Each structure stands twice: as structure tokens, then as C-alpha cells.
PDB file of N, CA and C in Angstrom:
ATOM      1  N   MET A   1      89.476  95.523 113.173  1.00  0.00           N
ATOM      2  CA  MET A   1      88.611  96.104 112.155  1.00  0.00           C
ATOM      3  C   MET A   1      87.437  95.158 111.929  1.00  0.00           C
ATOM      4  N   ASN A   2      86.288  95.751 111.735  1.00  0.00           N
ATOM      5  CA  ASN A   2      85.109  94.930 111.452  1.00  0.00           C
ATOM      6  C   ASN A   2      85.004  94.655 109.953  1.00  0.00           C
ATOM      7  N   PRO A   3      84.157  93.710 109.556  1.00  0.00           N
ATOM      8  CA  PRO A   3      84.064  93.342 108.131  1.00  0.00           C
ATOM      9  C   PRO A   3      83.667  94.502 107.214  1.00  0.00           C
ATOM     10  N   ALA A   4      82.835  95.419 107.696  1.00  0.00           N
ATOM     11  CA  ALA A   4      82.434  96.551 106.861  1.00  0.00           C
ATOM     12  C   ALA A   4      83.629  97.428 106.494  1.00  0.00           C
ATOM     13  N   THR A   5      84.574  97.558 107.404  1.00  0.00           N
ATOM     14  CA  THR A   5      85.775  98.346 107.134  1.00  0.00           C
ATOM     15  C   THR A   5      86.633  97.681 106.069  1.00  0.00           C
ATOM     16  N   TYR A   6      86.787  96.366 106.161  1.00  0.00           N
ATOM     17  CA  TYR A   6      87.533  95.632 105.133  1.00  0.00           C
ATOM     18  C   TYR A   6      86.858  95.760 103.765  1.00  0.00           C
ATOM     19  N   ILE A   7      85.544  95.652 103.738  1.00  0.00           N
ATOM     20  CA  ILE A   7      84.814  95.745 102.468  1.00  0.00           C
ATOM     21  C   ILE A   7      84.950  97.143 101.873  1.00  0.00           C
ATOM     22  N   PHE A   8      84.852  98.189 102.714  1.00  0.00           N
ATOM     23  CA  PHE A   8      85.007  99.558 102.225  1.00  0.00           C
ATOM     24  C   PHE A   8      86.399  99.774 101.649  1.00  0.00           C
ATOM     25  N   GLY A   9      87.437  99.303 102.343  1.00  0.00           N
ATOM     26  CA  GLY A   9      88.807  99.431 101.833  1.00  0.00           C
ATOM     27  C   GLY A   9      89.011  98.657 100.550  1.00  0.00           C
ATOM     28  N   TRP A  10      88.419  97.472 100.469  1.00  0.00           N
ATOM     29  CA  TRP A  10      88.530  96.638  99.273  1.00  0.00           C
ATOM     30  C   TRP A  10      87.868  97.317  98.074  1.00  0.00           C
ATOM     31  N   ILE A  11      86.664  97.898  98.291  1.00  0.00           N
ATOM     32  CA  ILE A  11      85.951  98.588  97.207  1.00  0.00           C
ATOM     33  C   ILE A  11      86.729  99.823  96.762  1.00  0.00           C
ATOM     34  N   LEU A  12      87.238 100.588  97.716  1.00  0.00           N
ATOM     35  CA  LEU A  12      87.985 101.796  97.369  1.00  0.00           C
ATOM     36  C   LEU A  12      89.267 101.457  96.603  1.00  0.00           C
ATOM     37  N   ALA A  13      89.979 100.425  97.038  1.00  0.00           N
ATOM     38  CA  ALA A  13      91.204 100.018  96.331  1.00  0.00           C
ATOM     39  C   ALA A  13      90.878  99.514  94.928  1.00  0.00           C
ATOM     40  N   THR A  14      89.751  98.810  94.771  1.00  0.00           N
ATOM     41  CA  THR A  14      89.338  98.342  93.448  1.00  0.00           C
ATOM     42  C   THR A  14      89.033  99.530  92.537  1.00  0.00           C
ATOM     43  N   MET A  15      88.354 100.531  93.070  1.00  0.00           N
ATOM     44  CA  MET A  15      88.049 101.720  92.271  1.00  0.00           C
ATOM     45  C   MET A  15      89.318 102.463  91.872  1.00  0.00           C
ATOM     46  N   LEU A  16      90.284 102.559  92.781  1.00  0.00           N
ATOM     47  CA  LEU A  16      91.550 103.221  92.437  1.00  0.00           C
ATOM     48  C   LEU A  16      92.272 102.477  91.315  1.00  0.00           C
ATOM     49  N   GLY A  17      92.285 101.151  91.383  1.00  0.00           N
ATOM     50  CA  GLY A  17      92.915 100.355  90.326  1.00  0.00           C
ATOM     51  C   GLY A  17      92.208 100.504  88.998  1.00  0.00           C
ATOM     52  N   ALA A  18      90.871 100.565  89.013  1.00  0.00           N
ATOM     53  CA  ALA A  18      90.108 100.711  87.773  1.00  0.00           C
ATOM     54  C   ALA A  18      90.315 102.094  87.159  1.00  0.00           C
ATOM     55  N   VAL A  19      90.336 103.128  87.987  1.00  0.00           N
ATOM     56  CA  VAL A  19      90.562 104.485  87.472  1.00  0.00           C
ATOM     57  C   VAL A  19      91.971 104.608  86.901  1.00  0.00           C
ATOM     58  N   PHE A  20      92.955 104.010  87.569  1.00  0.00           N
ATOM     59  CA  PHE A  20      94.320 104.023  87.044  1.00  0.00           C
ATOM     60  C   PHE A  20      94.386 103.305  85.708  1.00  0.00           C
ATOM     61  N   HIS A  21      93.660 102.206  85.586  1.00  0.00           N
ATOM     62  CA  HIS A  21      93.624 101.458  84.318  1.00  0.00           C
ATOM     63  C   HIS A  21      93.007 102.309  83.214  1.00  0.00           C
ATOM     64  N   LEU A  22      91.940 103.032  83.510  1.00  0.00           N
ATOM     65  CA  LEU A  22      91.331 103.910  82.508  1.00  0.00           C
ATOM     66  C   LEU A  22      92.288 105.012  82.087  1.00  0.00           C
ATOM     67  N   TRP A  23      93.078 105.511  83.037  1.00  0.00           N
ATOM     68  CA  TRP A  23      94.017 106.582  82.734  1.00  0.00           C
ATOM     69  C   TRP A  23      95.174 106.068  81.882  1.00  0.00           C
ATOM     70  N   LYS A  24      95.717 104.903  82.218  1.00  0.00           N
ATOM     71  CA  LYS A  24      96.875 104.371  81.497  1.00  0.00           C
ATOM     72  C   LYS A  24      96.498 103.490  80.313  1.00  0.00           C
ATOM     73  N   ASP A  25      95.246 103.132  80.165  1.00  0.00           N
ATOM     74  CA  ASP A  25      94.730 102.432  78.995  1.00  0.00           C
ATOM     75  C   ASP A  25      95.480 101.140  78.688  1.00  0.00           C
ATOM     76  N   GLY A  26      95.045 100.063  79.332  1.00  0.00           N
ATOM     77  CA  GLY A  26      95.645  98.756  79.083  1.00  0.00           C
ATOM     78  C   GLY A  26      94.574  97.750  78.730  1.00  0.00           C
ATOM     79  N   GLY A  27      94.958  96.527  78.553  1.00  0.00           N
ATOM     80  CA  GLY A  27      94.016  95.468  78.242  1.00  0.00           C
ATOM     81  C   GLY A  27      93.409  94.861  79.495  1.00  0.00           C
ATOM     82  N   PHE A  28      92.725  93.728  79.317  1.00  0.00           N
ATOM     83  CA  PHE A  28      92.048  93.069  80.428  1.00  0.00           C
ATOM     84  C   PHE A  28      93.025  92.616  81.498  1.00  0.00           C
ATOM     85  N   TRP A  29      94.144  92.027  81.100  1.00  0.00           N
ATOM     86  CA  TRP A  29      95.081  91.510  82.088  1.00  0.00           C
ATOM     87  C   TRP A  29      95.774  92.630  82.842  1.00  0.00           C
ATOM     88  N   LYS A  30      95.965  93.766  82.201  1.00  0.00           N
ATOM     89  CA  LYS A  30      96.518  94.912  82.930  1.00  0.00           C
ATOM     90  C   LYS A  30      95.527  95.406  83.972  1.00  0.00           C
ATOM     91  N   LEU A  31      94.230  95.347  83.655  1.00  0.00           N
ATOM     92  CA  LEU A  31      93.208  95.720  84.634  1.00  0.00           C
ATOM     93  C   LEU A  31      93.287  94.811  85.852  1.00  0.00           C
ATOM     94  N   VAL A  32      93.409  93.522  85.623  1.00  0.00           N
ATOM     95  CA  VAL A  32      93.511  92.559  86.727  1.00  0.00           C
ATOM     96  C   VAL A  32      94.762  92.840  87.555  1.00  0.00           C
ATOM     97  N   ILE A  33      95.873  93.091  86.891  1.00  0.00           N
ATOM     98  CA  ILE A  33      97.127  93.376  87.602  1.00  0.00           C
ATOM     99  C   ILE A  33      97.005  94.661  88.402  1.00  0.00           C
ATOM    100  N   TYR A  34      96.443  95.717  87.803  1.00  0.00           N
ATOM    101  CA  TYR A  34      96.310  96.986  88.508  1.00  0.00           C
ATOM    102  C   TYR A  34      95.405  96.860  89.730  1.00  0.00           C
ATOM    103  N   ILE A  35      94.345  96.108  89.632  1.00  0.00           N
ATOM    104  CA  ILE A  35      93.446  95.949  90.778  1.00  0.00           C
ATOM    105  C   ILE A  35      94.137  95.176  91.897  1.00  0.00           C
ATOM    106  N   ILE A  36      94.841  94.113  91.571  1.00  0.00           N
ATOM    107  CA  ILE A  36      95.541  93.335  92.598  1.00  0.00           C
ATOM    108  C   ILE A  36      96.647  94.163  93.243  1.00  0.00           C
ATOM    109  N   VAL A  37      97.398  94.889  92.426  1.00  0.00           N
ATOM    110  CA  VAL A  37      98.462  95.750  92.959  1.00  0.00           C
ATOM    111  C   VAL A  37      97.859  96.841  93.842  1.00  0.00           C
ATOM    112  N   SER A  38      96.715  97.363  93.451  1.00  0.00           N
ATOM    113  CA  SER A  38      96.051  98.385  94.246  1.00  0.00           C
ATOM    114  C   SER A  38      95.593  97.838  95.588  1.00  0.00           C
ATOM    115  N   TRP A  39      95.068  96.612  95.611  1.00  0.00           N
ATOM    116  CA  TRP A  39      94.668  95.989  96.881  1.00  0.00           C
ATOM    117  C   TRP A  39      95.862  95.841  97.811  1.00  0.00           C
ATOM    118  N   ILE A  40      96.949  95.316  97.269  1.00  0.00           N
ATOM    119  CA  ILE A  40      98.145  95.095  98.083  1.00  0.00           C
ATOM    120  C   ILE A  40      98.687  96.420  98.614  1.00  0.00           C
ATOM    121  N   GLY A  41      98.793  97.425  97.742  1.00  0.00           N
ATOM    122  CA  GLY A  41      99.305  98.728  98.152  1.00  0.00           C
ATOM    123  C   GLY A  41      98.411  99.410  99.170  1.00  0.00           C
ATOM    124  N   PHE A  42      97.094  99.276  99.001  1.00  0.00           N
ATOM    125  CA  PHE A  42      96.165  99.921  99.919  1.00  0.00           C
ATOM    126  C   PHE A  42      96.300  99.344 101.320  1.00  0.00           C
ATOM    127  N   PHE A  43      96.297  98.036 101.427  1.00  0.00           N
ATOM    128  CA  PHE A  43      96.351  97.444 102.759  1.00  0.00           C
ATOM    129  C   PHE A  43      97.748  97.520 103.380  1.00  0.00           C
ATOM    130  N   LEU A  44      98.795  97.526 102.568  1.00  0.00           N
ATOM    131  CA  LEU A  44     100.129  97.784 103.117  1.00  0.00           C
ATOM    132  C   LEU A  44     100.234  99.224 103.609  1.00  0.00           C
ATOM    133  N   GLY A  45      99.686 100.166 102.838  1.00  0.00           N
ATOM    134  CA  GLY A  45      99.676 101.566 103.260  1.00  0.00           C
ATOM    135  C   GLY A  45      98.873 101.760 104.535  1.00  0.00           C
ATOM    136  N   HIS A  46      97.759 101.050 104.641  1.00  0.00           N
ATOM    137  CA  HIS A  46      96.945 101.108 105.856  1.00  0.00           C
ATOM    138  C   HIS A  46      97.736 100.602 107.056  1.00  0.00           C
ATOM    139  N   LEU A  47      98.406  99.467 106.894  1.00  0.00           N
ATOM    140  CA  LEU A  47      99.168  98.892 108.008  1.00  0.00           C
ATOM    141  C   LEU A  47     100.356  99.770 108.411  1.00  0.00           C
ATOM    142  N   ILE A  48     101.023 100.353 107.428  1.00  0.00           N
ATOM    143  CA  ILE A  48     102.155 101.234 107.731  1.00  0.00           C
ATOM    144  C   ILE A  48     101.660 102.493 108.438  1.00  0.00           C
ATOM    145  N   ALA A  49     100.559 103.064 107.966  1.00  0.00           N
ATOM    146  CA  ALA A  49     100.009 104.258 108.610  1.00  0.00           C
ATOM    147  C   ALA A  49      99.539 103.946 110.027  1.00  0.00           C
ATOM    148  N   LYS A  50      98.983 102.776 110.213  1.00  0.00           N
ATOM    149  CA  LYS A  50      98.517 102.369 111.545  1.00  0.00           C
ATOM    150  C   LYS A  50      99.688 102.214 112.507  1.00  0.00           C
ATOM    151  N   SER A  51     100.758 101.580 112.054  1.00  0.00           N
ATOM    152  CA  SER A  51     101.909 101.374 112.936  1.00  0.00           C
ATOM    153  C   SER A  51     102.681 102.664 113.187  1.00  0.00           C
ATOM    154  N   ALA A  52     102.658 103.594 112.224  1.00  0.00           N
ATOM    155  CA  ALA A  52     103.370 104.858 112.378  1.00  0.00           C
ATOM    156  C   ALA A  52     102.523 105.927 113.062  1.00  0.00           C
ATOM    157  N   GLY A  53     101.224 105.680 113.221  1.00  0.00           N
ATOM    158  CA  GLY A  53     100.342 106.674 113.832  1.00  0.00           C
ATOM    159  C   GLY A  53     100.021 107.834 112.907  1.00  0.00           C
ATOM    160  N   PHE A  54      99.996 107.581 111.624  1.00  0.00           N
ATOM    161  CA  PHE A  54      99.708 108.598 110.599  1.00  0.00           C
ATOM    162  C   PHE A  54      98.196 108.813 110.531  1.00  0.00           C
ATOM    163  N   ASP A  55      97.706 109.848 111.194  1.00  0.00           N
ATOM    164  CA  ASP A  55      96.263 110.075 111.324  1.00  0.00           C
ATOM    165  C   ASP A  55      95.744 111.054 110.279  1.00  0.00           C
ATOM    166  N   LEU A  56      95.668 110.615 109.039  1.00  0.00           N
ATOM    167  CA  LEU A  56      95.122 111.440 107.967  1.00  0.00           C
ATOM    168  C   LEU A  56      93.927 110.717 107.369  1.00  0.00           C
ATOM    169  N   MET A  57      92.774 111.337 107.412  1.00  0.00           N
ATOM    170  CA  MET A  57      91.537 110.800 106.821  1.00  0.00           C
ATOM    171  C   MET A  57      91.185 109.415 107.368  1.00  0.00           C
ATOM    172  N   ASN A  58      91.124 109.288 108.672  1.00  0.00           N
ATOM    173  CA  ASN A  58      90.695 108.021 109.255  1.00  0.00           C
ATOM    174  C   ASN A  58      89.193 107.868 109.094  1.00  0.00           C
ATOM    175  N   VAL A  59      88.763 106.678 108.736  1.00  0.00           N
ATOM    176  CA  VAL A  59      87.345 106.338 108.671  1.00  0.00           C
ATOM    177  C   VAL A  59      87.161 105.141 109.594  1.00  0.00           C
ATOM    178  N   GLY A  60      86.705 105.396 110.796  1.00  0.00           N
ATOM    179  CA  GLY A  60      86.623 104.338 111.787  1.00  0.00           C
ATOM    180  C   GLY A  60      88.019 103.858 112.115  1.00  0.00           C
ATOM    181  N   SER A  61      88.270 102.577 111.951  1.00  0.00           N
ATOM    182  CA  SER A  61      89.597 102.033 112.216  1.00  0.00           C
ATOM    183  C   SER A  61      90.433 101.889 110.944  1.00  0.00           C
ATOM    184  N   LEU A  62      89.922 102.409 109.827  1.00  0.00           N
ATOM    185  CA  LEU A  62      90.640 102.346 108.552  1.00  0.00           C
ATOM    186  C   LEU A  62      91.454 103.618 108.368  1.00  0.00           C
ATOM    187  N   TYR A  63      92.738 103.464 108.151  1.00  0.00           N
ATOM    188  CA  TYR A  63      93.618 104.603 107.897  1.00  0.00           C
ATOM    189  C   TYR A  63      93.584 104.885 106.394  1.00  0.00           C
ATOM    190  N   LEU A  64      92.590 105.669 105.999  1.00  0.00           N
ATOM    191  CA  LEU A  64      92.290 105.893 104.593  1.00  0.00           C
ATOM    192  C   LEU A  64      93.402 106.654 103.874  1.00  0.00           C
ATOM    193  N   GLY A  65      93.964 107.662 104.514  1.00  0.00           N
ATOM    194  CA  GLY A  65      95.034 108.438 103.888  1.00  0.00           C
ATOM    195  C   GLY A  65      96.244 107.589 103.559  1.00  0.00           C
ATOM    196  N   GLY A  66      96.670 106.776 104.504  1.00  0.00           N
ATOM    197  CA  GLY A  66      97.798 105.883 104.270  1.00  0.00           C
ATOM    198  C   GLY A  66      97.495 104.838 103.211  1.00  0.00           C
ATOM    199  N   GLY A  67      96.254 104.350 103.217  1.00  0.00           N
ATOM    200  CA  GLY A  67      95.857 103.357 102.217  1.00  0.00           C
ATOM    201  C   GLY A  67      95.861 103.919 100.813  1.00  0.00           C
ATOM    202  N   ILE A  68      95.340 105.121 100.653  1.00  0.00           N
ATOM    203  CA  ILE A  68      95.309 105.747  99.321  1.00  0.00           C
ATOM    204  C   ILE A  68      96.723 106.040  98.832  1.00  0.00           C
ATOM    205  N   ILE A  69      97.554 106.575  99.716  1.00  0.00           N
ATOM    206  CA  ILE A  69      98.943 106.854  99.330  1.00  0.00           C
ATOM    207  C   ILE A  69      99.668 105.560  98.957  1.00  0.00           C
ATOM    208  N   GLY A  70      99.471 104.508  99.744  1.00  0.00           N
ATOM    209  CA  GLY A  70     100.095 103.218  99.443  1.00  0.00           C
ATOM    210  C   GLY A  70      99.609 102.635  98.136  1.00  0.00           C
ATOM    211  N   SER A  71      98.315 102.777  97.860  1.00  0.00           N
ATOM    212  CA  SER A  71      97.756 102.268  96.616  1.00  0.00           C
ATOM    213  C   SER A  71      98.317 103.011  95.408  1.00  0.00           C
ATOM    214  N   ILE A  72      98.396 104.316  95.505  1.00  0.00           N
ATOM    215  CA  ILE A  72      98.913 105.109  94.383  1.00  0.00           C
ATOM    216  C   ILE A  72     100.382 104.785  94.118  1.00  0.00           C
ATOM    217  N   ILE A  73     101.173 104.676  95.177  1.00  0.00           N
ATOM    218  CA  ILE A  73     102.588 104.325  95.004  1.00  0.00           C
ATOM    219  C   ILE A  73     102.724 102.937  94.376  1.00  0.00           C
ATOM    220  N   ALA A  74     101.927 101.981  94.856  1.00  0.00           N
ATOM    221  CA  ALA A  74     101.994 100.621  94.316  1.00  0.00           C
ATOM    222  C   ALA A  74     101.542 100.589  92.853  1.00  0.00           C
ATOM    223  N   LEU A  75     100.528 101.379  92.505  1.00  0.00           N
ATOM    224  CA  LEU A  75     100.058 101.400  91.117  1.00  0.00           C
ATOM    225  C   LEU A  75     101.120 101.964  90.169  1.00  0.00           C
ATOM    226  N   PHE A  76     101.767 103.054  90.569  1.00  0.00           N
ATOM    227  CA  PHE A  76     102.819 103.602  89.716  1.00  0.00           C
ATOM    228  C   PHE A  76     104.001 102.648  89.610  1.00  0.00           C
ATOM    229  N   ALA A  77     104.358 101.988  90.719  1.00  0.00           N
ATOM    230  CA  ALA A  77     105.452 101.015  90.674  1.00  0.00           C
ATOM    231  C   ALA A  77     105.070  99.813  89.804  1.00  0.00           C
ATOM    232  N   GLY A  78     103.831  99.333  89.925  1.00  0.00           N
ATOM    233  CA  GLY A  78     103.377  98.218  89.101  1.00  0.00           C
ATOM    234  C   GLY A  78     103.348  98.567  87.627  1.00  0.00           C
ATOM    235  N   HIS A  79     102.930  99.793  87.311  1.00  0.00           N
ATOM    236  CA  HIS A  79     102.933 100.223  85.909  1.00  0.00           C
ATOM    237  C   HIS A  79     104.360 100.316  85.384  1.00  0.00           C
ATOM    238  N   TRP A  80     105.246 100.841  86.202  1.00  0.00           N
ATOM    239  CA  TRP A  80     106.636 100.981  85.785  1.00  0.00           C
ATOM    240  C   TRP A  80     107.257  99.607  85.531  1.00  0.00           C
ATOM    241  N   PHE A  81     107.016  98.650  86.435  1.00  0.00           N
ATOM    242  CA  PHE A  81     107.568  97.307  86.239  1.00  0.00           C
ATOM    243  C   PHE A  81     106.936  96.598  85.051  1.00  0.00           C
ATOM    244  N   SER A  82     105.697  96.930  84.713  1.00  0.00           N
ATOM    245  CA  SER A  82     105.060  96.272  83.568  1.00  0.00           C
ATOM    246  C   SER A  82     105.602  96.788  82.235  1.00  0.00           C
ATOM    247  N   GLN A  83     106.329  97.889  82.246  1.00  0.00           N
ATOM    248  CA  GLN A  83     106.898  98.458  81.025  1.00  0.00           C
ATOM    249  C   GLN A  83     108.276  97.905  80.699  1.00  0.00           C
ATOM    250  N   ILE A  84     108.861  97.132  81.605  1.00  0.00           N
ATOM    251  CA  ILE A  84     110.202  96.588  81.396  1.00  0.00           C
ATOM    252  C   ILE A  84     110.141  95.484  80.344  1.00  0.00           C
ATOM    253  N   GLU A  85     111.009  95.569  79.356  1.00  0.00           N
ATOM    254  CA  GLU A  85     111.085  94.546  78.310  1.00  0.00           C
ATOM    255  C   GLU A  85     112.153  93.535  78.689  1.00  0.00           C
ATOM    256  N   SER A  86     111.836  92.258  78.519  1.00  0.00           N
ATOM    257  CA  SER A  86     112.823  91.238  78.867  1.00  0.00           C
ATOM    258  C   SER A  86     113.962  91.198  77.846  1.00  0.00           C
ATOM    259  N   PHE A  87     113.646  91.511  76.584  1.00  0.00           N
ATOM    260  CA  PHE A  87     114.652  91.562  75.528  1.00  0.00           C
ATOM    261  C   PHE A  87     114.510  92.914  74.824  1.00  0.00           C
ATOM    262  N   PRO A  88     115.259  93.931  75.266  1.00  0.00           N
ATOM    263  CA  PRO A  88     115.120  95.256  74.666  1.00  0.00           C
ATOM    264  C   PRO A  88     115.362  95.252  73.166  1.00  0.00           C
ATOM    265  N   GLY A  89     114.549  95.994  72.455  1.00  0.00           N
ATOM    266  CA  GLY A  89     114.700  96.114  71.020  1.00  0.00           C
ATOM    267  C   GLY A  89     113.980  95.051  70.225  1.00  0.00           C
ATOM    268  N   GLN A  90     113.441  94.052  70.901  1.00  0.00           N
ATOM    269  CA  GLN A  90     112.737  92.978  70.202  1.00  0.00           C
ATOM    270  C   GLN A  90     111.241  93.228  70.311  1.00  0.00           C
ATOM    271  N   ASN A  91     110.551  93.293  69.170  1.00  0.00           N
ATOM    272  CA  ASN A  91     109.108  93.530  69.186  1.00  0.00           C
ATOM    273  C   ASN A  91     108.373  92.264  69.553  1.00  0.00           C
ATOM    274  N   LYS A  92     107.198  92.449  70.146  1.00  0.00           N
ATOM    275  CA  LYS A  92     106.384  91.288  70.538  1.00  0.00           C
ATOM    276  C   LYS A  92     105.532  90.801  69.406  1.00  0.00           C
TER     277      LYS A  92
END
């Protein structure tokens, strides 16, 4: 992959994380977590789609469909894990 492809995937994953943050309404640190989780999910989804030959919405050498699906799954999993309380019933 050339650098432009990496930059496009990075920008798209950042936008997905920001939109998810707007939808779920969190603070600054949740925004940072959602963006990082989105980056990881996007590029893992890209790599899995590439190795599996999942040809949905390819943009050059970027497997966009797999990246978006991976990012969305990672964002929902990250949100779910962020809701776990270490001491249930105890207010912060």
C-alpha cells in the first residue's frame, strides 16, 4: 500500500470514531479512546479482509468494506467494555 492509502484509511477511521463519539455522547477521553479503537479495528478489518479475499468496496489496495466493518465492531466492543464497572453499585 502506498502512503496515500494509509492516510485515507486513517482519516476514514478517525471520522468513524468521531461520529460514534457524537452518537454515544462522551467526554474528551472517550473521544480519544473511540478514535484509537476505531484505528485498530479499521486496520485489523482491512488485514482480515485482505487475507480472506473479501472484495467489498475496494479502493485501490485498501479493503474499505472490511475496514469499516472492523471499525464498527471494534467501536461497539470498546463502548461495551467502557461501561463495565469495577465495583458494581458504587457511584463514582
